Amino acid sequence: MALRLSIAIGISLAAASAAADPALDRLEAALPAGWSLLATGSDLVIRHDRPCYAAAGGPVITLELRYRLEPRWTAPQLAAARAANDEIAGELRALAARYRIDAIRTAGGRPQPATADERSRLAAYEAGRARLEARRVALPRCTLGEASVFDGDDTYAQLRLRVDPPEAMAQAHRVVELVKQHCR
């Protein structure tokens, strides 16, 4: 019971601190009519208040942009993350040189290995690249008040959909620009 109560208090404190941030209040006030903002300690969700149809006669969806929030990153945190990512970028360049990836013919921007040796080199490179990419540090998109804002693979996924009413999608794109304008 005490553990559950402390978790609930922690969640409500995090939500209260996110909700009390004037920067989030300014962003919410700038949203187009029919859009709302929900900020917790770890998420910022901007949602269209009315459901839309995906494509012609498709399923009903609620357009939303979902960002991850963390306490505001300090300059040393940002510098350390950038340095780590720079090191990984160097290792990626060395890996590509080691497996002579530039020597493999490409079509449509994708490697097209023609020989068993090229296939083997490409497979080894892709495995090494995946290991290095997994070490990459996600950097915040920006700072909004007392929070660092991160976007992810799913943040903008719905922006590729065709929806009815179409003006909802135009508004969604304006909301993305509003977030950029309100961020530092």
N, C-alpha and C. Protein backbone atom coordinates (compact mmCIF):
# COMPACT_ATOMS: atom_id res chain seq x y z
N MET A 1 0.83 -1.19 0.00
CA MET A 1 0.00 0.00 0.00
C MET A 1 0.87 1.25 0.00
N ALA A 2 1.92 1.27 0.84
CA ALA A 2 2.78 2.45 0.91
C ALA A 2 3.52 2.66 -0.40
N LEU A 3 3.95 1.56 -1.04
CA LEU A 3 4.65 1.68 -2.32
C LEU A 3 3.69 2.24 -3.37
N ARG A 4 2.46 1.72 -3.42
CA ARG A 4 1.48 2.20 -4.38
C ARG A 4 1.19 3.68 -4.17
N LEU A 5 1.07 4.09 -2.91
CA LEU A 5 0.81 5.49 -2.59
C LEU A 5 1.97 6.38 -3.02
N SER A 6 3.21 5.93 -2.79
CA SER A 6 4.36 6.75 -3.18
C SER A 6 4.48 6.86 -4.69
N ILE A 7 4.15 5.79 -5.40
CA ILE A 7 4.16 5.85 -6.87
C ILE A 7 3.11 6.83 -7.35
N ALA A 8 1.92 6.75 -6.76
CA ALA A 8 0.84 7.66 -7.16
C ALA A 8 1.22 9.11 -6.87
N ILE A 9 1.84 9.36 -5.73
CA ILE A 9 2.28 10.72 -5.40
C ILE A 9 3.32 11.19 -6.40
N GLY A 10 4.27 10.30 -6.74
CA GLY A 10 5.31 10.65 -7.72
C GLY A 10 4.73 10.98 -9.07
N ILE A 11 3.75 10.18 -9.50
CA ILE A 11 3.12 10.44 -10.79
C ILE A 11 2.37 11.76 -10.76
N SER A 12 1.62 12.01 -9.69
CA SER A 12 0.86 13.26 -9.64
C SER A 12 1.78 14.46 -9.53
N LEU A 13 2.92 14.33 -8.83
CA LEU A 13 3.86 15.45 -8.77
C LEU A 13 4.47 15.72 -10.14
N ALA A 14 4.84 14.65 -10.86
CA ALA A 14 5.41 14.84 -12.19
C ALA A 14 4.38 15.46 -13.12
N ALA A 15 3.14 15.00 -13.05
CA ALA A 15 2.09 15.57 -13.90
C ALA A 15 1.82 17.02 -13.52
N ALA A 16 1.82 17.31 -12.23
CA ALA A 16 1.57 18.68 -11.79
C ALA A 16 2.68 19.61 -12.24
N SER A 17 3.94 19.13 -12.18
CA SER A 17 5.04 20.00 -12.60
C SER A 17 5.01 20.24 -14.10
N ALA A 18 4.63 19.20 -14.89
CA ALA A 18 4.53 19.39 -16.33
C ALA A 18 3.37 20.34 -16.65
N ALA A 19 2.26 20.16 -15.95
CA ALA A 19 1.09 20.99 -16.24
C ALA A 19 1.31 22.44 -15.82
N ALA A 20 2.17 22.68 -14.83
CA ALA A 20 2.38 24.03 -14.32
C ALA A 20 3.44 24.80 -15.11
N ASP A 21 4.02 24.21 -16.12
CA ASP A 21 5.09 24.85 -16.87
C ASP A 21 4.50 25.91 -17.80
N PRO A 22 4.87 27.18 -17.63
CA PRO A 22 4.32 28.25 -18.48
C PRO A 22 4.59 28.04 -19.98
N ALA A 23 5.70 27.40 -20.32
CA ALA A 23 6.00 27.16 -21.74
C ALA A 23 4.95 26.23 -22.35
N LEU A 24 4.54 25.23 -21.60
CA LEU A 24 3.50 24.33 -22.09
C LEU A 24 2.16 25.06 -22.18
N ASP A 25 1.90 25.93 -21.22
CA ASP A 25 0.67 26.72 -21.26
C ASP A 25 0.63 27.60 -22.52
N ARG A 26 1.77 28.21 -22.86
CA ARG A 26 1.82 29.07 -24.06
C ARG A 26 1.61 28.23 -25.32
N LEU A 27 2.22 27.05 -25.37
CA LEU A 27 2.02 26.18 -26.53
C LEU A 27 0.56 25.77 -26.64
N GLU A 28 -0.05 25.40 -25.54
CA GLU A 28 -1.45 24.99 -25.57
C GLU A 28 -2.35 26.14 -26.05
N ALA A 29 -2.08 27.34 -25.59
CA ALA A 29 -2.88 28.49 -26.00
C ALA A 29 -2.73 28.78 -27.50
N ALA A 30 -1.61 28.42 -28.08
CA ALA A 30 -1.35 28.69 -29.50
C ALA A 30 -1.94 27.62 -30.43
N LEU A 31 -2.38 26.50 -29.88
CA LEU A 31 -2.91 25.42 -30.72
C LEU A 31 -4.18 25.87 -31.44
N PRO A 32 -4.39 25.33 -32.64
CA PRO A 32 -5.64 25.66 -33.35
C PRO A 32 -6.84 25.16 -32.55
N ALA A 33 -7.98 25.76 -32.79
CA ALA A 33 -9.22 25.31 -32.14
C ALA A 33 -9.44 23.84 -32.49
N GLY A 34 -9.85 23.07 -31.50
CA GLY A 34 -10.11 21.66 -31.74
C GLY A 34 -8.91 20.77 -31.44
N TRP A 35 -7.85 21.33 -30.91
CA TRP A 35 -6.66 20.57 -30.53
C TRP A 35 -6.42 20.76 -29.05
N SER A 36 -5.92 19.71 -28.40
CA SER A 36 -5.64 19.80 -26.97
C SER A 36 -4.26 19.24 -26.67
N LEU A 37 -3.75 19.61 -25.52
CA LEU A 37 -2.41 19.22 -25.10
C LEU A 37 -2.53 18.53 -23.74
N LEU A 38 -1.85 17.40 -23.61
CA LEU A 38 -1.78 16.69 -22.35
C LEU A 38 -0.30 16.45 -22.06
N ALA A 39 0.18 16.96 -20.94
CA ALA A 39 1.58 16.77 -20.56
C ALA A 39 1.63 16.05 -19.22
N THR A 40 2.37 14.95 -19.19
CA THR A 40 2.65 14.27 -17.93
C THR A 40 4.14 14.42 -17.68
N GLY A 41 4.65 13.72 -16.72
CA GLY A 41 6.07 13.80 -16.44
C GLY A 41 6.93 13.26 -17.56
N SER A 42 6.38 12.35 -18.39
CA SER A 42 7.21 11.72 -19.41
C SER A 42 6.66 11.83 -20.83
N ASP A 43 5.47 12.38 -21.00
CA ASP A 43 4.87 12.46 -22.33
C ASP A 43 4.23 13.82 -22.57
N LEU A 44 4.30 14.22 -23.82
CA LEU A 44 3.57 15.39 -24.30
C LEU A 44 2.75 14.89 -25.48
N VAL A 45 1.44 14.93 -25.35
CA VAL A 45 0.56 14.46 -26.41
C VAL A 45 -0.30 15.63 -26.86
N ILE A 46 -0.25 15.91 -28.15
CA ILE A 46 -1.08 16.95 -28.74
C ILE A 46 -2.05 16.23 -29.67
N ARG A 47 -3.33 16.39 -29.40
CA ARG A 47 -4.35 15.56 -30.03
C ARG A 47 -5.46 16.41 -30.64
N HIS A 48 -5.91 15.96 -31.82
CA HIS A 48 -7.08 16.55 -32.44
C HIS A 48 -8.29 16.02 -31.68
N ASP A 49 -9.17 16.90 -31.27
CA ASP A 49 -10.27 16.51 -30.38
C ASP A 49 -11.37 15.71 -31.07
N ARG A 50 -11.43 15.77 -32.39
CA ARG A 50 -12.50 15.04 -33.09
C ARG A 50 -11.89 13.94 -33.94
N PRO A 51 -12.49 12.77 -33.93
CA PRO A 51 -11.97 11.66 -34.75
C PRO A 51 -12.05 11.99 -36.24
N CYS A 52 -11.16 11.37 -36.99
CA CYS A 52 -11.11 11.53 -38.44
C CYS A 52 -11.17 10.14 -39.08
N TYR A 53 -11.56 10.11 -40.33
CA TYR A 53 -11.51 8.87 -41.08
C TYR A 53 -10.16 8.79 -41.79
N ALA A 54 -9.48 7.66 -41.65
CA ALA A 54 -8.23 7.45 -42.38
C ALA A 54 -8.60 7.02 -43.79
N ALA A 55 -8.11 7.76 -44.79
CA ALA A 55 -8.39 7.53 -46.21
C ALA A 55 -9.91 7.55 -46.44
N ALA A 56 -10.31 7.17 -47.60
CA ALA A 56 -11.74 7.21 -47.95
C ALA A 56 -12.45 6.02 -47.32
N GLY A 57 -13.29 6.30 -46.33
CA GLY A 57 -14.05 5.23 -45.68
C GLY A 57 -13.23 4.32 -44.80
N GLY A 58 -12.02 4.71 -44.48
CA GLY A 58 -11.16 3.88 -43.63
C GLY A 58 -11.56 3.95 -42.17
N PRO A 59 -10.74 3.38 -41.30
CA PRO A 59 -11.08 3.38 -39.87
C PRO A 59 -11.04 4.79 -39.28
N VAL A 60 -11.75 4.94 -38.19
CA VAL A 60 -11.77 6.21 -37.48
C VAL A 60 -10.52 6.28 -36.60
N ILE A 61 -9.81 7.39 -36.68
CA ILE A 61 -8.59 7.58 -35.88
C ILE A 61 -8.65 8.93 -35.18
N THR A 62 -7.83 9.08 -34.18
CA THR A 62 -7.64 10.37 -33.53
C THR A 62 -6.22 10.82 -33.85
N LEU A 63 -6.08 11.91 -34.57
CA LEU A 63 -4.75 12.42 -34.91
C LEU A 63 -4.05 12.86 -33.63
N GLU A 64 -2.80 12.43 -33.48
CA GLU A 64 -2.03 12.88 -32.33
C GLU A 64 -0.55 12.89 -32.64
N LEU A 65 0.13 13.80 -31.98
CA LEU A 65 1.58 13.90 -32.02
C LEU A 65 2.05 13.58 -30.61
N ARG A 66 2.90 12.57 -30.47
CA ARG A 66 3.33 12.11 -29.15
C ARG A 66 4.84 12.32 -29.02
N TYR A 67 5.21 13.16 -28.07
CA TYR A 67 6.61 13.46 -27.78
C TYR A 67 6.96 12.88 -26.40
N ARG A 68 8.21 12.55 -26.20
CA ARG A 68 8.69 12.11 -24.89
C ARG A 68 9.32 13.30 -24.19
N LEU A 69 9.07 13.43 -22.89
CA LEU A 69 9.64 14.51 -22.09
C LEU A 69 10.61 13.94 -21.07
N GLU A 70 11.69 14.66 -20.86
CA GLU A 70 12.63 14.36 -19.79
C GLU A 70 12.95 15.68 -19.11
N PRO A 71 13.41 15.61 -17.85
CA PRO A 71 13.85 16.86 -17.24
C PRO A 71 14.88 17.54 -18.15
N ARG A 72 14.85 18.84 -18.17
CA ARG A 72 15.70 19.64 -19.06
C ARG A 72 17.16 19.18 -19.00
N TRP A 73 17.71 18.85 -20.17
CA TRP A 73 19.10 18.42 -20.24
C TRP A 73 20.02 19.61 -19.98
N THR A 74 21.11 19.34 -19.29
CA THR A 74 22.11 20.37 -19.02
C THR A 74 23.08 20.44 -20.19
N ALA A 75 23.84 21.52 -20.25
CA ALA A 75 24.86 21.66 -21.30
C ALA A 75 25.87 20.51 -21.26
N PRO A 76 26.36 20.09 -20.07
CA PRO A 76 27.29 18.95 -20.05
C PRO A 76 26.64 17.64 -20.55
N GLN A 77 25.36 17.43 -20.27
CA GLN A 77 24.69 16.23 -20.78
C GLN A 77 24.63 16.25 -22.31
N LEU A 78 24.27 17.41 -22.86
CA LEU A 78 24.21 17.53 -24.32
C LEU A 78 25.59 17.34 -24.94
N ALA A 79 26.60 17.93 -24.34
CA ALA A 79 27.96 17.81 -24.88
C ALA A 79 28.43 16.35 -24.85
N ALA A 80 28.17 15.65 -23.76
CA ALA A 80 28.58 14.25 -23.65
C ALA A 80 27.86 13.38 -24.68
N ALA A 81 26.56 13.63 -24.88
CA ALA A 81 25.79 12.86 -25.85
C ALA A 81 26.30 13.13 -27.27
N ARG A 82 26.56 14.40 -27.57
CA ARG A 82 27.08 14.73 -28.91
C ARG A 82 28.44 14.12 -29.15
N ALA A 83 29.29 14.13 -28.13
CA ALA A 83 30.62 13.53 -28.25
C ALA A 83 30.51 12.03 -28.49
N ALA A 84 29.62 11.36 -27.77
CA ALA A 84 29.42 9.93 -27.97
C ALA A 84 28.92 9.64 -29.38
N ASN A 85 27.99 10.45 -29.87
CA ASN A 85 27.47 10.25 -31.21
C ASN A 85 28.52 10.55 -32.28
N ASP A 86 29.38 11.53 -32.04
CA ASP A 86 30.47 11.82 -32.97
C ASP A 86 31.44 10.65 -33.04
N GLU A 87 31.71 10.04 -31.90
CA GLU A 87 32.59 8.87 -31.87
C GLU A 87 31.96 7.71 -32.65
N ILE A 88 30.68 7.51 -32.47
CA ILE A 88 29.98 6.45 -33.21
C ILE A 88 30.00 6.74 -34.71
N ALA A 89 29.82 7.99 -35.10
CA ALA A 89 29.88 8.36 -36.52
C ALA A 89 31.24 8.02 -37.11
N GLY A 90 32.30 8.28 -36.35
CA GLY A 90 33.64 7.92 -36.81
C GLY A 90 33.80 6.42 -36.96
N GLU A 91 33.27 5.68 -36.00
CA GLU A 91 33.33 4.22 -36.08
C GLU A 91 32.53 3.70 -37.27
N LEU A 92 31.41 4.34 -37.60
CA LEU A 92 30.62 3.95 -38.77
C LEU A 92 31.39 4.18 -40.06
N ARG A 93 32.08 5.33 -40.13
CA ARG A 93 32.89 5.60 -41.33
C ARG A 93 34.01 4.56 -41.47
N ALA A 94 34.65 4.23 -40.37
CA ALA A 94 35.72 3.23 -40.40
C ALA A 94 35.17 1.86 -40.80
N LEU A 95 34.00 1.53 -40.30
CA LEU A 95 33.38 0.25 -40.63
C LEU A 95 33.07 0.17 -42.13
N ALA A 96 32.53 1.25 -42.69
CA ALA A 96 32.23 1.28 -44.13
C ALA A 96 33.51 1.13 -44.95
N ALA A 97 34.58 1.79 -44.51
CA ALA A 97 35.86 1.66 -45.22
C ALA A 97 36.41 0.25 -45.09
N ARG A 98 36.31 -0.33 -43.91
CA ARG A 98 36.83 -1.69 -43.67
C ARG A 98 36.17 -2.70 -44.61
N TYR A 99 34.86 -2.58 -44.81
CA TYR A 99 34.14 -3.53 -45.66
C TYR A 99 33.96 -3.02 -47.09
N ARG A 100 34.63 -1.90 -47.42
CA ARG A 100 34.61 -1.33 -48.77
C ARG A 100 33.18 -1.24 -49.32
N ILE A 101 32.32 -0.63 -48.52
CA ILE A 101 30.91 -0.52 -48.89
C ILE A 101 30.72 0.39 -50.09
N ASP A 102 31.54 1.42 -50.21
CA ASP A 102 31.42 2.33 -51.35
C ASP A 102 31.72 1.65 -52.68
N ALA A 103 32.39 0.50 -52.66
CA ALA A 103 32.72 -0.21 -53.89
C ALA A 103 31.56 -1.07 -54.39
N ILE A 104 30.53 -1.24 -53.56
CA ILE A 104 29.38 -2.04 -53.95
C ILE A 104 28.41 -1.15 -54.73
N ARG A 105 28.00 -1.63 -55.90
CA ARG A 105 27.08 -0.88 -56.75
C ARG A 105 25.77 -0.67 -56.01
N THR A 106 25.15 0.49 -56.27
CA THR A 106 23.86 0.81 -55.66
C THR A 106 22.83 1.09 -56.76
N ALA A 107 21.58 0.89 -56.38
CA ALA A 107 20.45 1.25 -57.26
C ALA A 107 19.36 1.80 -56.36
N GLY A 108 18.89 2.97 -56.69
CA GLY A 108 17.86 3.59 -55.86
C GLY A 108 18.35 3.87 -54.45
N GLY A 109 19.65 4.10 -54.30
CA GLY A 109 20.22 4.41 -53.00
C GLY A 109 20.46 3.20 -52.11
N ARG A 110 20.22 2.00 -52.65
CA ARG A 110 20.42 0.78 -51.87
C ARG A 110 21.52 -0.07 -52.49
N PRO A 111 22.36 -0.67 -51.64
CA PRO A 111 23.43 -1.52 -52.18
C PRO A 111 22.86 -2.71 -52.93
N GLN A 112 23.52 -3.05 -54.03
CA GLN A 112 23.12 -4.19 -54.86
C GLN A 112 24.34 -5.10 -55.03
N PRO A 113 24.65 -5.91 -54.01
CA PRO A 113 25.84 -6.76 -54.12
C PRO A 113 25.69 -7.76 -55.26
N ALA A 114 26.74 -7.88 -56.07
CA ALA A 114 26.69 -8.74 -57.24
C ALA A 114 27.40 -10.08 -57.02
N THR A 115 28.30 -10.13 -56.06
CA THR A 115 29.08 -11.34 -55.83
C THR A 115 28.89 -11.84 -54.40
N ALA A 116 29.32 -13.06 -54.16
CA ALA A 116 29.25 -13.63 -52.81
C ALA A 116 30.10 -12.80 -51.85
N ASP A 117 31.26 -12.33 -52.33
CA ASP A 117 32.13 -11.50 -51.48
C ASP A 117 31.42 -10.20 -51.10
N GLU A 118 30.76 -9.55 -52.06
CA GLU A 118 30.04 -8.31 -51.76
C GLU A 118 28.88 -8.57 -50.80
N ARG A 119 28.17 -9.68 -50.99
CA ARG A 119 27.07 -10.01 -50.07
C ARG A 119 27.60 -10.24 -48.66
N SER A 120 28.71 -10.92 -48.56
CA SER A 120 29.31 -11.20 -47.25
C SER A 120 29.78 -9.91 -46.57
N ARG A 121 30.46 -9.05 -47.33
CA ARG A 121 30.91 -7.76 -46.78
C ARG A 121 29.74 -6.90 -46.34
N LEU A 122 28.68 -6.86 -47.17
CA LEU A 122 27.51 -6.05 -46.83
C LEU A 122 26.83 -6.59 -45.57
N ALA A 123 26.70 -7.90 -45.45
CA ALA A 123 26.06 -8.49 -44.26
C ALA A 123 26.87 -8.17 -43.01
N ALA A 124 28.18 -8.28 -43.09
CA ALA A 124 29.04 -7.97 -41.93
C ALA A 124 28.93 -6.49 -41.58
N TYR A 125 28.92 -5.64 -42.59
CA TYR A 125 28.78 -4.20 -42.35
C TYR A 125 27.44 -3.89 -41.69
N GLU A 126 26.35 -4.44 -42.23
CA GLU A 126 25.02 -4.16 -41.69
C GLU A 126 24.92 -4.62 -40.23
N ALA A 127 25.51 -5.76 -39.89
CA ALA A 127 25.49 -6.24 -38.50
C ALA A 127 26.28 -5.28 -37.60
N GLY A 128 27.45 -4.86 -38.06
CA GLY A 128 28.25 -3.91 -37.28
C GLY A 128 27.57 -2.57 -37.15
N ARG A 129 26.93 -2.13 -38.23
CA ARG A 129 26.22 -0.85 -38.21
C ARG A 129 25.06 -0.89 -37.22
N ALA A 130 24.34 -2.00 -37.19
CA ALA A 130 23.22 -2.13 -36.25
C ALA A 130 23.71 -2.06 -34.80
N ARG A 131 24.84 -2.69 -34.52
CA ARG A 131 25.40 -2.63 -33.16
C ARG A 131 25.80 -1.21 -32.79
N LEU A 132 26.41 -0.50 -33.74
CA LEU A 132 26.82 0.88 -33.47
C LEU A 132 25.61 1.80 -33.33
N GLU A 133 24.64 1.65 -34.20
CA GLU A 133 23.44 2.51 -34.14
C GLU A 133 22.70 2.30 -32.82
N ALA A 134 22.74 1.10 -32.28
CA ALA A 134 22.06 0.83 -31.00
C ALA A 134 22.71 1.61 -29.86
N ARG A 135 23.97 1.98 -30.02
CA ARG A 135 24.69 2.76 -28.99
C ARG A 135 24.45 4.26 -29.12
N ARG A 136 23.87 4.70 -30.24
CA ARG A 136 23.66 6.12 -30.48
C ARG A 136 22.76 6.71 -29.39
N VAL A 137 23.10 7.89 -28.93
CA VAL A 137 22.34 8.57 -27.89
C VAL A 137 21.30 9.47 -28.54
N ALA A 138 20.04 9.26 -28.18
CA ALA A 138 18.98 10.11 -28.71
C ALA A 138 19.11 11.50 -28.09
N LEU A 139 19.17 12.50 -28.94
CA LEU A 139 19.27 13.89 -28.48
C LEU A 139 17.89 14.52 -28.46
N PRO A 140 17.67 15.43 -27.52
CA PRO A 140 16.38 16.10 -27.52
C PRO A 140 16.20 16.95 -28.78
N ARG A 141 14.97 16.99 -29.26
CA ARG A 141 14.65 17.86 -30.41
C ARG A 141 14.84 19.30 -29.99
N CYS A 142 14.43 19.60 -28.73
CA CYS A 142 14.49 20.97 -28.26
C CYS A 142 14.19 21.00 -26.77
N THR A 143 14.16 22.20 -26.23
CA THR A 143 13.79 22.42 -24.84
C THR A 143 12.51 23.24 -24.82
N LEU A 144 11.59 22.82 -24.01
CA LEU A 144 10.32 23.52 -23.86
C LEU A 144 10.10 23.72 -22.37
N GLY A 145 10.36 24.94 -21.93
CA GLY A 145 10.26 25.21 -20.50
C GLY A 145 11.29 24.42 -19.72
N GLU A 146 10.84 23.63 -18.77
CA GLU A 146 11.74 22.85 -17.93
C GLU A 146 11.92 21.43 -18.43
N ALA A 147 11.53 21.16 -19.67
CA ALA A 147 11.61 19.81 -20.22
C ALA A 147 12.42 19.78 -21.50
N SER A 148 13.13 18.69 -21.68
CA SER A 148 13.74 18.39 -22.97
C SER A 148 12.74 17.54 -23.73
N VAL A 149 12.51 17.88 -24.99
CA VAL A 149 11.48 17.24 -25.80
C VAL A 149 12.17 16.33 -26.82
N PHE A 150 11.71 15.09 -26.87
CA PHE A 150 12.25 14.10 -27.80
C PHE A 150 11.14 13.66 -28.74
N ASP A 151 11.45 13.56 -30.02
CA ASP A 151 10.50 12.96 -30.94
C ASP A 151 11.02 11.57 -31.27
N GLY A 152 10.12 10.70 -31.66
CA GLY A 152 10.49 9.33 -31.97
C GLY A 152 9.91 8.90 -33.29
N ASP A 153 10.06 7.62 -33.58
CA ASP A 153 9.56 7.09 -34.85
C ASP A 153 8.06 7.29 -35.00
N ASP A 154 7.33 7.21 -33.88
CA ASP A 154 5.89 7.30 -33.97
C ASP A 154 5.35 8.73 -33.83
N THR A 155 6.21 9.69 -33.52
CA THR A 155 5.73 11.06 -33.31
C THR A 155 4.97 11.59 -34.52
N TYR A 156 5.52 11.40 -35.69
CA TYR A 156 4.96 11.98 -36.91
C TYR A 156 4.32 10.94 -37.84
N ALA A 157 4.16 9.71 -37.37
CA ALA A 157 3.69 8.61 -38.22
C ALA A 157 2.35 8.92 -38.89
N GLN A 158 1.44 9.53 -38.16
CA GLN A 158 0.11 9.80 -38.72
C GLN A 158 0.12 10.91 -39.76
N LEU A 159 1.18 11.68 -39.84
CA LEU A 159 1.23 12.78 -40.81
C LEU A 159 1.28 12.26 -42.25
N ARG A 160 1.56 10.99 -42.42
CA ARG A 160 1.61 10.41 -43.77
C ARG A 160 0.24 9.92 -44.24
N LEU A 161 -0.74 9.92 -43.34
CA LEU A 161 -2.07 9.43 -43.68
C LEU A 161 -2.87 10.47 -44.46
N ARG A 162 -3.82 9.99 -45.23
CA ARG A 162 -4.83 10.88 -45.81
C ARG A 162 -6.06 10.73 -44.95
N VAL A 163 -6.58 11.84 -44.48
CA VAL A 163 -7.73 11.79 -43.58
C VAL A 163 -8.87 12.65 -44.08
N ASP A 164 -10.03 12.33 -43.57
CA ASP A 164 -11.21 13.12 -43.83
C ASP A 164 -11.75 13.57 -42.48
N PRO A 165 -11.83 14.83 -42.20
CA PRO A 165 -11.68 15.98 -43.09
C PRO A 165 -10.21 16.33 -43.34
N PRO A 166 -9.88 16.71 -44.56
CA PRO A 166 -8.48 17.01 -44.91
C PRO A 166 -7.91 18.20 -44.14
N GLU A 167 -8.74 19.13 -43.70
CA GLU A 167 -8.21 20.29 -42.95
C GLU A 167 -7.60 19.86 -41.62
N ALA A 168 -8.01 18.70 -41.10
CA ALA A 168 -7.41 18.21 -39.84
C ALA A 168 -5.93 17.92 -40.06
N MET A 169 -5.58 17.39 -41.22
CA MET A 169 -4.16 17.10 -41.50
C MET A 169 -3.38 18.39 -41.69
N ALA A 170 -3.97 19.36 -42.35
CA ALA A 170 -3.30 20.66 -42.51
C ALA A 170 -3.04 21.27 -41.13
N GLN A 171 -4.01 21.16 -40.24
CA GLN A 171 -3.82 21.65 -38.87
C GLN A 171 -2.71 20.88 -38.16
N ALA A 172 -2.65 19.57 -38.37
CA ALA A 172 -1.60 18.75 -37.73
C ALA A 172 -0.22 19.24 -38.14
N HIS A 173 -0.05 19.57 -39.40
CA HIS A 173 1.24 20.10 -39.87
C HIS A 173 1.52 21.46 -39.23
N ARG A 174 0.49 22.28 -39.07
CA ARG A 174 0.68 23.57 -38.38
C ARG A 174 1.07 23.36 -36.92
N VAL A 175 0.51 22.34 -36.28
CA VAL A 175 0.86 22.04 -34.89
C VAL A 175 2.33 21.66 -34.78
N VAL A 176 2.84 20.88 -35.72
CA VAL A 176 4.26 20.52 -35.71
C VAL A 176 5.10 21.80 -35.77
N GLU A 177 4.72 22.73 -36.63
CA GLU A 177 5.47 23.99 -36.73
C GLU A 177 5.34 24.81 -35.46
N LEU A 178 4.20 24.79 -34.82
CA LEU A 178 4.02 25.50 -33.55
C LEU A 178 4.96 24.94 -32.47
N VAL A 179 5.07 23.62 -32.42
CA VAL A 179 5.99 23.02 -31.44
C VAL A 179 7.40 23.50 -31.71
N LYS A 180 7.81 23.52 -32.97
CA LYS A 180 9.15 24.00 -33.32
C LYS A 180 9.33 25.45 -32.92
N GLN A 181 8.31 26.28 -33.13
CA GLN A 181 8.40 27.70 -32.78
C GLN A 181 8.50 27.93 -31.28
N HIS A 182 7.83 27.11 -30.50
CA HIS A 182 7.82 27.29 -29.06
C HIS A 182 9.02 26.65 -28.37
N CYS A 183 9.73 25.83 -29.08
CA CYS A 183 10.92 25.17 -28.53
C CYS A 183 12.15 26.05 -28.68
N ARG A 184 13.10 25.80 -27.82
CA ARG A 184 14.38 26.50 -27.91
C ARG A 184 15.48 25.51 -28.17
